[in-house]
Amino acid sequence: MPKVYVTDHFTVEEISCHCGCKFMDYDPRQLGAMEFLRALAGVPLPASSWCRCPKHNKAEGGRPRSQHLLGRGTDIKPVEIAPIELARLALEVPAFARGGIGVYDWGCHFDCRGYPARWGWKE
């Protein structure tokens, strides 16, 4: 089955909940911000988690008020760029500069929560 793209670079499969329920209530600001970040990075940014239903969020160990539940949190497992470098690029994306940027050993979390939140690194 061919991939169905929601934006130029992100598919329905990447954006929807991965438990199989197909929950996909995403925030359009997150889509735009992720496309902006992809353009800045110039390399593919595989999304490992975006929208999550409450059941899947709990199974993943997500916080009860996770941005993923609102469709405005995206986890990226970068292949061609170091997580810290991707986080630094994200500061150039207005929605992420005013949102959440987290760095982990496996990759990064980005969200458009509307207020700055940083974890796992120092700017």
Protein backbone atom coordinates (compact mmCIF):
# COMPACT_ATOMS: atom_id res chain seq x y z
CA MET A 1 0.00 0.00 0.00
CA PRO A 2 1.45 3.40 -0.95
CA LYS A 3 2.30 5.92 1.74
CA VAL A 4 -0.21 8.73 2.23
CA TYR A 5 1.40 12.07 3.03
CA VAL A 6 -0.24 14.73 5.21
CA THR A 7 2.56 17.20 4.42
CA ASP A 8 5.44 17.08 1.95
CA HIS A 9 7.49 14.91 4.31
CA PHE A 10 5.28 13.32 6.99
CA THR A 11 2.91 10.41 6.44
CA VAL A 12 -0.41 9.42 8.01
CA GLU A 13 1.42 6.39 9.42
CA GLU A 14 3.97 8.60 11.23
CA ILE A 15 1.40 11.06 12.56
CA SER A 16 -1.34 8.68 13.71
CA CYS A 17 -1.30 6.72 16.97
CA HIS A 18 0.88 3.63 16.75
CA CYS A 19 -1.34 1.33 18.81
CA GLY A 20 -3.55 0.65 15.82
CA CYS A 21 -6.51 2.81 16.88
CA LYS A 22 -5.64 5.31 14.10
CA PHE A 23 -6.16 8.35 16.42
CA MET A 24 -4.89 11.35 14.46
CA ASP A 25 -6.10 14.61 15.96
CA TYR A 26 -3.05 16.74 15.17
CA ASP A 27 -2.43 20.44 15.68
CA PRO A 28 -1.78 22.18 12.32
CA ARG A 29 0.85 24.37 14.03
CA GLN A 30 2.84 21.23 14.82
CA LEU A 31 2.68 20.11 11.19
CA GLY A 32 3.96 23.48 9.99
CA ALA A 33 6.69 23.61 12.60
CA MET A 34 7.88 20.10 11.75
CA GLU A 35 8.00 20.94 8.03
CA PHE A 36 10.00 24.10 8.87
CA LEU A 37 12.42 22.03 10.97
CA ARG A 38 12.73 19.45 8.17
CA ALA A 39 13.62 22.24 5.72
CA LEU A 40 16.26 23.62 8.10
CA ALA A 41 17.78 20.19 8.70
CA GLY A 42 17.80 19.28 5.02
CA VAL A 43 17.59 15.58 5.89
CA PRO A 44 14.74 13.16 6.63
CA LEU A 45 13.37 13.36 10.18
CA PRO A 46 11.59 10.07 10.90
CA ALA A 47 8.77 10.62 13.39
CA SER A 48 8.60 7.74 15.86
CA SER A 49 5.64 9.15 17.82
CA TRP A 50 3.21 12.00 17.16
CA CYS A 51 -0.46 11.60 18.06
CA ARG A 52 -1.24 9.19 20.89
CA CYS A 53 -4.54 8.02 22.30
CA PRO A 54 -4.72 7.99 26.12
CA LYS A 55 -4.27 4.20 26.29
CA HIS A 56 -1.16 4.21 24.11
CA ASN A 57 0.27 7.24 25.88
CA LYS A 58 0.01 5.40 29.19
CA ALA A 59 1.58 2.26 27.69
CA GLU A 60 4.50 4.37 26.41
CA GLY A 61 5.03 5.88 29.86
CA GLY A 62 3.84 9.30 28.66
CA ARG A 63 2.80 11.98 31.10
CA PRO A 64 -0.93 12.35 31.79
CA ARG A 65 -0.91 15.80 30.15
CA SER A 66 1.43 14.82 27.31
CA GLN A 67 1.51 17.05 24.24
CA HIS A 68 1.15 13.85 22.18
CA LEU A 69 -2.44 13.53 23.43
CA LEU A 70 -3.18 16.90 21.84
CA GLY A 71 -1.42 16.13 18.56
CA ARG A 72 1.22 18.75 19.20
CA GLY A 73 4.16 16.63 20.32
CA THR A 74 6.52 14.81 17.96
CA ASP A 75 9.38 12.45 18.75
CA ILE A 76 12.09 12.22 16.12
CA LYS A 77 14.77 9.54 15.84
CA PRO A 78 17.22 11.33 13.53
CA VAL A 79 19.54 9.23 11.41
CA GLU A 80 21.62 11.81 9.59
CA ILE A 81 21.98 14.50 12.28
CA ALA A 82 22.89 14.37 15.96
CA PRO A 83 19.99 14.96 18.37
CA ILE A 84 21.72 17.96 19.97
CA GLU A 85 22.26 19.58 16.56
CA LEU A 86 18.62 19.02 15.67
CA ALA A 87 17.56 20.60 18.97
CA ARG A 88 19.69 23.65 18.23
CA LEU A 89 18.09 23.97 14.78
CA ALA A 90 14.66 23.74 16.42
CA LEU A 91 15.36 27.02 18.23
CA GLU A 92 15.04 28.70 14.81
CA VAL A 93 11.46 27.41 14.47
CA PRO A 94 9.20 29.96 16.23
CA ALA A 95 6.67 27.37 17.45
CA PHE A 96 9.45 25.32 19.04
CA ALA A 97 11.36 28.33 20.38
CA ARG A 98 8.09 29.07 22.23
CA GLY A 99 7.47 25.38 22.91
CA GLY A 100 9.08 22.20 24.12
CA ILE A 101 12.43 20.83 23.03
CA GLY A 102 13.78 17.71 24.72
CA VAL A 103 16.94 15.77 23.91
CA TYR A 104 17.34 12.06 24.66
CA ASP A 105 19.92 9.44 23.73
CA TRP A 106 17.47 8.09 21.10
CA GLY A 107 16.54 11.47 19.58
CA CYS A 108 14.40 14.54 20.27
CA HIS A 109 10.94 15.64 21.30
CA PHE A 110 9.43 18.83 19.86
CA ASP A 111 6.13 20.46 20.68
CA CYS A 112 4.23 23.70 20.19
CA ARG A 113 2.85 24.00 23.75
CA GLY A 114 3.04 27.81 23.70
CA TYR A 115 5.63 28.34 26.44
CA PRO A 116 9.31 27.40 26.53
CA ALA A 117 10.25 24.06 28.09
CA ARG A 118 13.68 22.45 27.72
CA TRP A 119 15.08 19.20 29.04
CA GLY A 120 18.06 16.94 28.42
CA TRP A 121 20.35 19.72 27.20
CA LYS A 122 21.43 23.30 27.69
CA GLU A 123 21.03 26.00 25.06
